[in-house]
């Protein structure tokens, strides 16, 4: 298989000009996953987890050094009842960059999702990221989003400027209803700085027409074998007509036991009054050749138990 892929790559390289290239890469995972049926609806609690993603990116560069990119994704996934489906090619995302400036347009990440200034997700638990340090944010109506395999009902424009250890980003997402009326608009801005020791400090603010405003601050870095990420956030998105929410927080850590094995721990709490504190513990173990065994167990924001175990790899 590798020989076939190399031959395909060479053919693409000779078919275009010297400053253009086509890259194909992706990831895959499969294993077992458990999701507690708290409501006793009879839904399957255990399923075969399986997903494959392939990203296809075209890259070109002008004589002046302006880099242009276009990308879309193919994806195969399962649902809770073990049915299998595929998606893609999805909506495309485009980018143009020169020096410290990069502009992304289309099916692309907004400021929060991009990780440009804030580590919104942190270290996920298990094979499928059962929970993340931002889990309580998923209970709100805010539509933080990024690049995916399917069609999109929104177009995002994001600009990022980097100079030295400082970066700033601004994004605007325009969601259309029936292709004519603006149903929702969302604007986000982020600022970030990387210290000499590698620790990063970032903050981001967003305003969603439907959900309200919100902000987040983040501290992330490493100390020896320990990697860490901490977020704090608040805003209108955590309030209801009857109850005012609280400061949302998330903490995730990754501790490398050896060169091949690491454990992860996550806590996510606060936010909406109805959200329970989510927490979990997971592990990863490298098997060589880019293959990783991963698993974890967690309790989500609805007080339900989650677990998974399987292998994942990138290509």
C-alpha atoms as a PDB file:
ATOM      1  CA  UNK A   1       0.000   0.000   0.000  1.00  0.00           C
ATOM      2  CA  UNK A   2       2.808   2.430   0.810  1.00  0.00           C
ATOM      3  CA  UNK A   3       4.357   1.927  -2.637  1.00  0.00           C
ATOM      4  CA  UNK A   4       1.032   2.777  -4.282  1.00  0.00           C
ATOM      5  CA  UNK A   5       0.678   5.918  -2.204  1.00  0.00           C
ATOM      6  CA  UNK A   6       4.205   7.054  -3.021  1.00  0.00           C
ATOM      7  CA  UNK A   7       3.590   6.532  -6.733  1.00  0.00           C
ATOM      8  CA  UNK A   8       0.391   8.575  -6.520  1.00  0.00           C
ATOM      9  CA  UNK A   9       2.214  11.389  -4.744  1.00  0.00           C
ATOM     10  CA  UNK A  10       4.921  11.489  -7.389  1.00  0.00           C
ATOM     11  CA  UNK A  11       2.315  11.654 -10.165  1.00  0.00           C
ATOM     12  CA  UNK A  12       0.618  14.615  -8.499  1.00  0.00           C
ATOM     13  CA  UNK A  13       3.934  16.385  -8.055  1.00  0.00           C
ATOM     14  CA  UNK A  14       4.867  16.092 -11.725  1.00  0.00           C
ATOM     15  CA  UNK A  15       1.410  17.070 -12.944  1.00  0.00           C
ATOM     16  CA  UNK A  16       1.531  20.564 -11.441  1.00  0.00           C
ATOM     17  CA  UNK A  17       3.942  23.470 -11.276  1.00  0.00           C
ATOM     18  CA  UNK A  18       6.882  23.527  -8.894  1.00  0.00           C
ATOM     19  CA  UNK A  19       5.158  25.842  -6.420  1.00  0.00           C
ATOM     20  CA  UNK A  20       2.000  23.724  -6.095  1.00  0.00           C
ATOM     21  CA  UNK A  21       1.320  20.518  -4.188  1.00  0.00           C
ATOM     22  CA  UNK A  22      -1.505  18.250  -3.101  1.00  0.00           C
ATOM     23  CA  UNK A  23      -1.358  16.591   0.317  1.00  0.00           C
ATOM     24  CA  UNK A  24      -3.499  13.758   1.642  1.00  0.00           C
ATOM     25  CA  UNK A  25      -3.524  12.847   5.317  1.00  0.00           C
ATOM     26  CA  UNK A  26      -5.881  11.770   8.014  1.00  0.00           C
ATOM     27  CA  UNK A  27      -6.582   9.622  11.035  1.00  0.00           C
ATOM     28  CA  UNK A  28      -8.574   6.558  12.049  1.00  0.00           C
ATOM     29  CA  UNK A  29      -9.768   4.904  15.239  1.00  0.00           C
ATOM     30  CA  UNK A  30     -11.813   1.886  16.270  1.00  0.00           C
ATOM     31  CA  UNK A  31     -12.726   0.119  19.492  1.00  0.00           C
ATOM     32  CA  UNK A  32     -15.549  -0.181  22.013  1.00  0.00           C
ATOM     33  CA  UNK A  33     -17.500   2.683  23.607  1.00  0.00           C
ATOM     34  CA  UNK A  34     -20.036   2.783  26.447  1.00  0.00           C
ATOM     35  CA  UNK A  35     -22.672   5.468  27.106  1.00  0.00           C
ATOM     36  CA  UNK A  36     -24.973   4.911  30.087  1.00  0.00           C
ATOM     37  CA  UNK A  37     -28.707   4.940  29.279  1.00  0.00           C
ATOM     38  CA  UNK A  38     -29.775   6.975  32.309  1.00  0.00           C
ATOM     39  CA  UNK A  39     -33.348   7.471  31.086  1.00  0.00           C
ATOM     40  CA  UNK A  40     -33.860   3.725  30.549  1.00  0.00           C
ATOM     41  CA  UNK A  41     -35.067   4.292  26.990  1.00  0.00           C
ATOM     42  CA  UNK A  42     -33.757   0.951  25.792  1.00  0.00           C
ATOM     43  CA  UNK A  43     -31.010   2.543  23.717  1.00  0.00           C
ATOM     44  CA  UNK A  44     -27.847   0.533  23.133  1.00  0.00           C
ATOM     45  CA  UNK A  45     -25.285   1.422  25.802  1.00  0.00           C
ATOM     46  CA  UNK A  46     -22.299  -0.312  24.188  1.00  0.00           C
ATOM     47  CA  UNK A  47     -21.302   0.217  20.562  1.00  0.00           C
ATOM     48  CA  UNK A  48     -18.416  -0.435  18.209  1.00  0.00           C
ATOM     49  CA  UNK A  49     -16.656   2.907  17.827  1.00  0.00           C
ATOM     50  CA  UNK A  50     -15.202   3.542  14.368  1.00  0.00           C
ATOM     51  CA  UNK A  51     -14.142   6.657  12.506  1.00  0.00           C
ATOM     52  CA  UNK A  52     -11.861   7.512   9.617  1.00  0.00           C
ATOM     53  CA  UNK A  53     -11.042  10.996   8.390  1.00  0.00           C
ATOM     54  CA  UNK A  54      -9.150  11.981   5.257  1.00  0.00           C
ATOM     55  CA  UNK A  55      -8.109  15.590   4.656  1.00  0.00           C
ATOM     56  CA  UNK A  56      -7.225  16.640   1.110  1.00  0.00           C
ATOM     57  CA  UNK A  57      -5.350  19.940   0.836  1.00  0.00           C
ATOM     58  CA  UNK A  58      -4.183  21.808  -2.235  1.00  0.00           C
ATOM     59  CA  UNK A  59      -1.345  24.301  -1.703  1.00  0.00           C
ATOM     60  CA  UNK A  60       0.110  26.894  -4.076  1.00  0.00           C
ATOM     61  CA  UNK A  61       2.528  29.784  -3.639  1.00  0.00           C
ATOM     62  CA  UNK A  62       2.999  32.874  -5.786  1.00  0.00           C
ATOM     63  CA  UNK A  63       6.359  34.237  -6.885  1.00  0.00           C
ATOM     64  CA  UNK A  64       5.968  36.920  -4.217  1.00  0.00           C
ATOM     65  CA  UNK A  65       5.666  34.307  -1.450  1.00  0.00           C
ATOM     66  CA  UNK A  66       1.903  34.459  -0.891  1.00  0.00           C
ATOM     67  CA  UNK A  67       0.678  30.996   0.130  1.00  0.00           C
ATOM     68  CA  UNK A  68      -2.821  29.794  -0.783  1.00  0.00           C
ATOM     69  CA  UNK A  69      -4.575  26.675   0.499  1.00  0.00           C
ATOM     70  CA  UNK A  70      -7.874  24.873  -0.085  1.00  0.00           C
ATOM     71  CA  UNK A  71      -9.045  21.875   1.918  1.00  0.00           C
ATOM     72  CA  UNK A  72     -11.972  19.515   2.337  1.00  0.00           C
ATOM     73  CA  UNK A  73     -12.582  16.348   4.358  1.00  0.00           C
ATOM     74  CA  UNK A  74     -13.974  12.853   3.822  1.00  0.00           C
ATOM     75  CA  UNK A  75     -15.272  11.000   6.870  1.00  0.00           C
ATOM     76  CA  UNK A  76     -16.766   7.630   7.798  1.00  0.00           C
ATOM     77  CA  UNK A  77     -18.393   7.280  11.214  1.00  0.00           C
ATOM     78  CA  UNK A  78     -20.868   5.252  13.253  1.00  0.00           C
ATOM     79  CA  UNK A  79     -23.910   6.300  15.256  1.00  0.00           C
ATOM     80  CA  UNK A  80     -25.176   5.180  18.659  1.00  0.00           C
ATOM     81  CA  UNK A  81     -26.988   2.185  17.112  1.00  0.00           C
ATOM     82  CA  UNK A  82     -23.837   0.906  15.334  1.00  0.00           C
ATOM     83  CA  UNK A  83     -25.044   1.979  11.877  1.00  0.00           C
ATOM     84  CA  UNK A  84     -22.221   3.142   9.610  1.00  0.00           C
ATOM     85  CA  UNK A  85     -22.300   6.152   7.310  1.00  0.00           C
ATOM     86  CA  UNK A  86     -19.946   8.320   5.283  1.00  0.00           C
ATOM     87  CA  UNK A  87     -19.788  12.044   4.602  1.00  0.00           C
ATOM     88  CA  UNK A  88     -17.958  14.233   2.169  1.00  0.00           C
ATOM     89  CA  UNK A  89     -16.478  15.728   0.271  1.00  0.00           C
ATOM     90  CA  UNK A  90     -17.567  18.374   2.728  1.00  0.00           C
ATOM     91  CA  UNK A  91     -17.698  22.117   2.337  1.00  0.00           C
ATOM     92  CA  UNK A  92     -14.287  23.564   1.502  1.00  0.00           C
ATOM     93  CA  UNK A  93     -12.127  25.878   3.546  1.00  0.00           C
ATOM     94  CA  UNK A  94      -9.637  28.329   2.023  1.00  0.00           C
ATOM     95  CA  UNK A  95      -6.635  30.230   3.381  1.00  0.00           C
ATOM     96  CA  UNK A  96      -4.165  32.853   2.225  1.00  0.00           C
ATOM     97  CA  UNK A  97      -1.060  33.747   4.231  1.00  0.00           C
ATOM     98  CA  UNK A  98       1.926  36.034   3.920  1.00  0.00           C
ATOM     99  CA  UNK A  99       4.446  36.780   6.628  1.00  0.00           C
ATOM    100  CA  UNK A 100       2.658  36.912   9.964  1.00  0.00           C
ATOM    101  CA  UNK A 101      -0.831  37.365   8.478  1.00  0.00           C
ATOM    102  CA  UNK A 102      -3.201  34.491   7.673  1.00  0.00           C
ATOM    103  CA  UNK A 103      -6.835  34.744   6.546  1.00  0.00           C
ATOM    104  CA  UNK A 104      -9.153  31.693   6.507  1.00  0.00           C
ATOM    105  CA  UNK A 105     -12.529  31.682   4.721  1.00  0.00           C
ATOM    106  CA  UNK A 106     -15.378  29.179   4.356  1.00  0.00           C
ATOM    107  CA  UNK A 107     -15.587  25.911   6.282  1.00  0.00           C
ATOM    108  CA  UNK A 108     -12.918  26.909   8.815  1.00  0.00           C
ATOM    109  CA  UNK A 109     -12.429  27.242  12.562  1.00  0.00           C
ATOM    110  CA  UNK A 110     -13.435  30.320  14.515  1.00  0.00           C
ATOM    111  CA  UNK A 111     -11.119  31.868  17.140  1.00  0.00           C
ATOM    112  CA  UNK A 112     -12.175  29.587  20.015  1.00  0.00           C
ATOM    113  CA  UNK A 113     -11.999  26.366  17.984  1.00  0.00           C
ATOM    114  CA  UNK A 114      -8.738  27.192  16.186  1.00  0.00           C
ATOM    115  CA  UNK A 115      -6.488  27.138  19.254  1.00  0.00           C
ATOM    116  CA  UNK A 116      -4.681  30.228  17.992  1.00  0.00           C
ATOM    117  CA  UNK A 117      -4.747  31.942  21.389  1.00  0.00           C
ATOM    118  CA  UNK A 118      -6.659  29.681  23.792  1.00  0.00           C
ATOM    119  CA  UNK A 119      -6.506  25.920  24.284  1.00  0.00           C
ATOM    120  CA  UNK A 120     -10.281  25.463  24.359  1.00  0.00           C
ATOM    121  CA  UNK A 121     -10.316  21.656  24.448  1.00  0.00           C
ATOM    122  CA  UNK A 122      -7.258  20.652  26.475  1.00  0.00           C
ATOM    123  CA  UNK A 123      -6.379  16.982  26.902  1.00  0.00           C
ATOM    124  CA  UNK A 124      -9.382  14.805  26.060  1.00  0.00           C
ATOM    125  CA  UNK A 125     -10.153  11.569  27.873  1.00  0.00           C
ATOM    126  CA  UNK A 126      -9.925   8.189  26.164  1.00  0.00           C
ATOM    127  CA  UNK A 127     -10.108   7.107  22.547  1.00  0.00           C
ATOM    128  CA  UNK A 128     -12.937   9.492  21.610  1.00  0.00           C
ATOM    129  CA  UNK A 129     -12.372  12.456  23.975  1.00  0.00           C
ATOM    130  CA  UNK A 130     -15.237  11.318  26.227  1.00  0.00           C
ATOM    131  CA  UNK A 131     -15.024  14.638  28.037  1.00  0.00           C
ATOM    132  CA  UNK A 132     -12.795  17.681  27.657  1.00  0.00           C
ATOM    133  CA  UNK A 133     -11.983  20.659  29.836  1.00  0.00           C
ATOM    134  CA  UNK A 134     -14.690  22.647  28.000  1.00  0.00           C
ATOM    135  CA  UNK A 135     -17.476  20.068  28.516  1.00  0.00           C
ATOM    136  CA  UNK A 136     -19.793  22.455  30.395  1.00  0.00           C
ATOM    137  CA  UNK A 137     -19.659  24.827  27.405  1.00  0.00           C
ATOM    138  CA  UNK A 138     -21.380  22.181  25.253  1.00  0.00           C
ATOM    139  CA  UNK A 139     -24.524  22.546  27.391  1.00  0.00           C
ATOM    140  CA  UNK A 140     -24.989  26.156  26.241  1.00  0.00           C
ATOM    141  CA  UNK A 141     -26.537  27.483  23.027  1.00  0.00           C
ATOM    142  CA  UNK A 142     -23.304  29.037  21.747  1.00  0.00           C
ATOM    143  CA  UNK A 143     -22.220  27.725  18.335  1.00  0.00           C
ATOM    144  CA  UNK A 144     -18.431  27.485  18.568  1.00  0.00           C
ATOM    145  CA  UNK A 145     -17.326  25.504  15.537  1.00  0.00           C
ATOM    146  CA  UNK A 146     -14.616  24.430  13.164  1.00  0.00           C
ATOM    147  CA  UNK A 147     -13.674  22.539  10.036  1.00  0.00           C
ATOM    148  CA  UNK A 148     -15.753  19.410   9.378  1.00  0.00           C
ATOM    149  CA  UNK A 149     -16.721  16.837   6.753  1.00  0.00           C
ATOM    150  CA  UNK A 150     -20.339  17.803   6.103  1.00  0.00           C
ATOM    151  CA  UNK A 151     -22.208  20.674   4.521  1.00  0.00           C
ATOM    152  CA  UNK A 152     -22.270  23.946   6.436  1.00  0.00           C
ATOM    153  CA  UNK A 153     -25.062  26.474   6.893  1.00  0.00           C
ATOM    154  CA  UNK A 154     -22.529  29.095   7.965  1.00  0.00           C
ATOM    155  CA  UNK A 155     -19.497  30.815   6.463  1.00  0.00           C
ATOM    156  CA  UNK A 156     -16.636  31.810   8.755  1.00  0.00           C
ATOM    157  CA  UNK A 157     -13.942  34.399   8.095  1.00  0.00           C
ATOM    158  CA  UNK A 158     -10.941  34.437  10.446  1.00  0.00           C
ATOM    159  CA  UNK A 159      -7.836  36.625  10.374  1.00  0.00           C
ATOM    160  CA  UNK A 160      -4.749  35.960  12.509  1.00  0.00           C
ATOM    161  CA  UNK A 161      -1.650  38.092  12.885  1.00  0.00           C
ATOM    162  CA  UNK A 162       1.500  36.842  14.603  1.00  0.00           C
ATOM    163  CA  UNK A 163       4.559  38.883  15.516  1.00  0.00           C
ATOM    164  CA  UNK A 164       7.209  37.280  17.690  1.00  0.00           C
ATOM    165  CA  UNK A 165       5.544  35.619  20.689  1.00  0.00           C
ATOM    166  CA  UNK A 166       2.337  37.656  20.368  1.00  0.00           C
ATOM    167  CA  UNK A 167      -0.714  36.790  18.272  1.00  0.00           C
ATOM    168  CA  UNK A 168      -4.180  38.228  17.700  1.00  0.00           C
ATOM    169  CA  UNK A 169      -7.189  36.759  15.882  1.00  0.00           C
ATOM    170  CA  UNK A 170     -10.620  37.939  14.795  1.00  0.00           C
ATOM    171  CA  UNK A 171     -13.419  35.785  13.354  1.00  0.00           C
ATOM    172  CA  UNK A 172     -16.924  36.389  12.040  1.00  0.00           C
ATOM    173  CA  UNK A 173     -19.489  33.649  11.383  1.00  0.00           C
ATOM    174  CA  UNK A 174     -22.623  34.319   9.349  1.00  0.00           C
ATOM    175  CA  UNK A 175     -25.355  31.654   9.548  1.00  0.00           C
ATOM    176  CA  UNK A 176     -28.025  31.812   6.843  1.00  0.00           C
ATOM    177  CA  UNK A 177     -31.637  30.588   6.916  1.00  0.00           C
ATOM    178  CA  UNK A 178     -33.001  29.496   3.516  1.00  0.00           C
ATOM    179  CA  UNK A 179     -29.900  31.064   1.986  1.00  0.00           C
ATOM    180  CA  UNK A 180     -31.268  34.595   2.234  1.00  0.00           C
ATOM    181  CA  UNK A 181     -31.987  35.727   5.788  1.00  0.00           C
ATOM    182  CA  UNK A 182     -29.259  36.062   8.408  1.00  0.00           C
ATOM    183  CA  UNK A 183     -30.353  33.782  11.255  1.00  0.00           C
ATOM    184  CA  UNK A 184     -27.357  34.331  13.502  1.00  0.00           C
ATOM    185  CA  UNK A 185     -24.104  36.248  13.555  1.00  0.00           C
ATOM    186  CA  UNK A 186     -21.162  35.502  15.819  1.00  0.00           C
ATOM    187  CA  UNK A 187     -17.976  37.508  16.326  1.00  0.00           C
ATOM    188  CA  UNK A 188     -14.910  36.393  18.283  1.00  0.00           C
ATOM    189  CA  UNK A 189     -11.587  38.020  19.130  1.00  0.00           C
ATOM    190  CA  UNK A 190      -8.532  36.508  20.782  1.00  0.00           C
ATOM    191  CA  UNK A 191      -5.136  37.615  22.122  1.00  0.00           C
ATOM    192  CA  UNK A 192      -2.264  35.338  23.073  1.00  0.00           C
ATOM    193  CA  UNK A 193       1.337  35.463  24.281  1.00  0.00           C
ATOM    194  CA  UNK A 194       3.961  32.742  24.696  1.00  0.00           C
ATOM    195  CA  UNK A 195       6.452  33.194  27.534  1.00  0.00           C
ATOM    196  CA  UNK A 196      10.143  32.317  27.355  1.00  0.00           C
ATOM    197  CA  UNK A 197       9.573  29.033  29.221  1.00  0.00           C
ATOM    198  CA  UNK A 198       6.976  27.892  26.671  1.00  0.00           C
ATOM    199  CA  UNK A 199       3.963  28.698  28.846  1.00  0.00           C
ATOM    200  CA  UNK A 200       1.160  30.303  26.860  1.00  0.00           C
ATOM    201  CA  UNK A 201      -1.378  32.831  28.112  1.00  0.00           C
ATOM    202  CA  UNK A 202      -4.472  33.631  26.094  1.00  0.00           C
ATOM    203  CA  UNK A 203      -7.882  35.252  26.260  1.00  0.00           C
ATOM    204  CA  UNK A 204     -10.827  35.307  23.877  1.00  0.00           C
ATOM    205  CA  UNK A 205     -14.217  37.010  23.758  1.00  0.00           C
ATOM    206  CA  UNK A 206     -17.264  36.140  21.687  1.00  0.00           C
ATOM    207  CA  UNK A 207     -20.681  37.608  20.992  1.00  0.00           C
ATOM    208  CA  UNK A 208     -23.468  35.413  19.595  1.00  0.00           C
ATOM    209  CA  UNK A 209     -26.726  37.072  18.482  1.00  0.00           C
ATOM    210  CA  UNK A 210     -28.819  34.206  19.841  1.00  0.00           C
ATOM    211  CA  UNK A 211     -26.823  32.918  22.818  1.00  0.00           C
ATOM    212  CA  UNK A 212     -25.276  36.144  24.163  1.00  0.00           C
ATOM    213  CA  UNK A 213     -21.702  37.091  24.964  1.00  0.00           C
ATOM    214  CA  UNK A 214     -18.966  35.005  26.583  1.00  0.00           C
ATOM    215  CA  UNK A 215     -15.259  35.084  27.379  1.00  0.00           C
ATOM    216  CA  UNK A 216     -12.486  32.683  28.299  1.00  0.00           C
ATOM    217  CA  UNK A 217      -8.942  32.930  29.667  1.00  0.00           C
ATOM    218  CA  UNK A 218      -6.406  30.138  29.359  1.00  0.00           C
ATOM    219  CA  UNK A 219      -3.047  29.133  30.801  1.00  0.00           C
ATOM    220  CA  UNK A 220      -1.236  26.168  29.244  1.00  0.00           C
ATOM    221  CA  UNK A 221       2.240  24.707  29.276  1.00  0.00           C
ATOM    222  CA  UNK A 222       4.407  21.914  30.596  1.00  0.00           C
ATOM    223  CA  UNK A 223       6.723  21.224  33.510  1.00  0.00           C
ATOM    224  CA  UNK A 224       8.907  18.185  32.996  1.00  0.00           C
ATOM    225  CA  UNK A 225       6.682  15.180  32.297  1.00  0.00           C
ATOM    226  CA  UNK A 226       3.498  17.119  33.131  1.00  0.00           C
ATOM    227  CA  UNK A 227       1.476  18.988  30.533  1.00  0.00           C
ATOM    228  CA  UNK A 228      -1.400  21.171  31.718  1.00  0.00           C
ATOM    229  CA  UNK A 229      -4.167  23.449  30.499  1.00  0.00           C
ATOM    230  CA  UNK A 230      -6.572  25.565  32.563  1.00  0.00           C
ATOM    231  CA  UNK A 231      -9.545  27.616  31.349  1.00  0.00           C
ATOM    232  CA  UNK A 232     -11.912  30.006  33.124  1.00  0.00           C
ATOM    233  CA  UNK A 233     -14.929  31.537  31.424  1.00  0.00           C
ATOM    234  CA  UNK A 234     -18.247  33.280  31.941  1.00  0.00           C
ATOM    235  CA  UNK A 235     -20.925  35.205  30.096  1.00  0.00           C
ATOM    236  CA  UNK A 236     -24.612  35.439  29.241  1.00  0.00           C
ATOM    237  CA  UNK A 237     -24.504  31.957  27.688  1.00  0.00           C
ATOM    238  CA  UNK A 238     -24.482  30.406  31.173  1.00  0.00           C
ATOM    239  CA  UNK A 239     -27.561  32.298  32.410  1.00  0.00           C
ATOM    240  CA  UNK A 240     -31.228  31.355  32.048  1.00  0.00           C
ATOM    241  CA  UNK A 241     -34.338  33.441  32.639  1.00  0.00           C
ATOM    242  CA  UNK A 242     -34.701  31.897  36.085  1.00  0.00           C
ATOM    243  CA  UNK A 243     -31.162  31.169  37.254  1.00  0.00           C
ATOM    244  CA  UNK A 244     -27.855  32.945  36.800  1.00  0.00           C
ATOM    245  CA  UNK A 245     -24.976  30.611  36.013  1.00  0.00           C
ATOM    246  CA  UNK A 246     -21.555  30.528  37.626  1.00  0.00           C
ATOM    247  CA  UNK A 247     -17.949  30.846  36.504  1.00  0.00           C
ATOM    248  CA  UNK A 248     -17.107  27.932  34.200  1.00  0.00           C
ATOM    249  CA  UNK A 249     -13.780  26.218  34.728  1.00  0.00           C
ATOM    250  CA  UNK A 250     -11.817  23.403  33.172  1.00  0.00           C
ATOM    251  CA  UNK A 251      -8.560  21.683  34.074  1.00  0.00           C
ATOM    252  CA  UNK A 252      -6.813  18.983  32.066  1.00  0.00           C
ATOM    253  CA  UNK A 253      -3.413  17.369  32.574  1.00  0.00           C
ATOM    254  CA  UNK A 254      -1.251  14.857  30.731  1.00  0.00           C
ATOM    255  CA  UNK A 255       1.478  13.038  32.654  1.00  0.00           C
ATOM    256  CA  UNK A 256       4.073  11.003  30.754  1.00  0.00           C
ATOM    257  CA  UNK A 257       4.887   7.895  32.766  1.00  0.00           C
ATOM    258  CA  UNK A 258       7.382   6.764  30.127  1.00  0.00           C
ATOM    259  CA  UNK A 259       8.302   7.532  26.539  1.00  0.00           C
ATOM    260  CA  UNK A 260       5.335   5.418  25.399  1.00  0.00           C
ATOM    261  CA  UNK A 261       2.711   5.744  28.142  1.00  0.00           C
ATOM    262  CA  UNK A 262       0.808   8.733  29.525  1.00  0.00           C
ATOM    263  CA  UNK A 263      -2.242   9.292  31.697  1.00  0.00           C
ATOM    264  CA  UNK A 264      -4.765  12.125  31.355  1.00  0.00           C
ATOM    265  CA  UNK A 265      -7.164  13.662  33.856  1.00  0.00           C
ATOM    266  CA  UNK A 266      -9.917  16.230  33.240  1.00  0.00           C
ATOM    267  CA  UNK A 267     -12.355  18.229  35.373  1.00  0.00           C
ATOM    268  CA  UNK A 268     -14.966  20.600  33.891  1.00  0.00           C
ATOM    269  CA  UNK A 269     -17.495  22.393  36.079  1.00  0.00           C
ATOM    270  CA  UNK A 270     -19.527  25.520  36.761  1.00  0.00           C
ATOM    271  CA  UNK A 271     -21.415  27.209  33.929  1.00  0.00           C
ATOM    272  CA  UNK A 272     -25.146  26.529  33.679  1.00  0.00           C
ATOM    273  CA  UNK A 273     -26.879  25.748  36.956  1.00  0.00           C
ATOM    274  CA  UNK A 274     -28.171  22.508  35.398  1.00  0.00           C
ATOM    275  CA  UNK A 275     -24.708  21.226  34.433  1.00  0.00           C
ATOM    276  CA  UNK A 276     -23.077  18.669  36.700  1.00  0.00           C
ATOM    277  CA  UNK A 277     -19.310  18.618  37.138  1.00  0.00           C
ATOM    278  CA  UNK A 278     -17.695  16.366  34.533  1.00  0.00           C
ATOM    279  CA  UNK A 279     -14.538  14.448  35.340  1.00  0.00           C
ATOM    280  CA  UNK A 280     -12.564  11.576  33.897  1.00  0.00           C
ATOM    281  CA  UNK A 281      -9.339   9.602  33.760  1.00  0.00           C
ATOM    282  CA  UNK A 282      -7.702   8.115  30.671  1.00  0.00           C
ATOM    283  CA  UNK A 283      -4.485   6.709  29.246  1.00  0.00           C
ATOM    284  CA  UNK A 284      -2.550   6.449  25.988  1.00  0.00           C
ATOM    285  CA  UNK A 285       0.154   3.919  25.108  1.00  0.00           C
ATOM    286  CA  UNK A 286       2.219   4.075  21.946  1.00  0.00           C
ATOM    287  CA  UNK A 287       2.498   0.753  20.116  1.00  0.00           C
ATOM    288  CA  UNK A 288       4.958   1.966  17.500  1.00  0.00           C
ATOM    289  CA  UNK A 289       4.446   2.895  13.880  1.00  0.00           C
ATOM    290  CA  UNK A 290       2.175   5.787  14.843  1.00  0.00           C
ATOM    291  CA  UNK A 291      -0.411   3.484  16.461  1.00  0.00           C
ATOM    292  CA  UNK A 292      -1.740   4.329  19.942  1.00  0.00           C
ATOM    293  CA  UNK A 293      -3.822   2.291  22.365  1.00  0.00           C
ATOM    294  CA  UNK A 294      -6.185   4.625  24.256  1.00  0.00           C
ATOM    295  CA  UNK A 295      -9.001   4.322  26.756  1.00  0.00           C
ATOM    296  CA  UNK A 296     -10.768   6.112  29.550  1.00  0.00           C
ATOM    297  CA  UNK A 297     -13.714   6.410  31.890  1.00  0.00           C
ATOM    298  CA  UNK A 298     -15.654   9.570  32.691  1.00  0.00           C
ATOM    299  CA  UNK A 299     -18.792  11.119  34.118  1.00  0.00           C
ATOM    300  CA  UNK A 300     -20.412  13.739  31.881  1.00  0.00           C
ATOM    301  CA  UNK A 301     -22.318  16.937  32.689  1.00  0.00           C
ATOM    302  CA  UNK A 302     -25.600  14.974  32.806  1.00  0.00           C
ATOM    303  CA  UNK A 303     -24.155  12.683  35.511  1.00  0.00           C
ATOM    304  CA  UNK A 304     -23.907   9.758  33.076  1.00  0.00           C
ATOM    305  CA  UNK A 305     -21.051   7.283  32.858  1.00  0.00           C
ATOM    306  CA  UNK A 306     -18.929   7.039  29.696  1.00  0.00           C
ATOM    307  CA  UNK A 307     -16.075   4.697  28.798  1.00  0.00           C
ATOM    308  CA  UNK A 308     -14.083   3.584  25.759  1.00  0.00           C
ATOM    309  CA  UNK A 309     -11.065   1.534  24.686  1.00  0.00           C
ATOM    310  CA  UNK A 310      -9.437   1.094  21.303  1.00  0.00           C
ATOM    311  CA  UNK A 311      -6.633   2.036  18.934  1.00  0.00           C
ATOM    312  CA  UNK A 312      -6.029   5.141  16.838  1.00  0.00           C
ATOM    313  CA  UNK A 313      -3.463   6.128  14.240  1.00  0.00           C
ATOM    314  CA  UNK A 314      -2.609   8.931  11.835  1.00  0.00           C
ATOM    315  CA  UNK A 315      -1.429   8.693   8.255  1.00  0.00           C
END
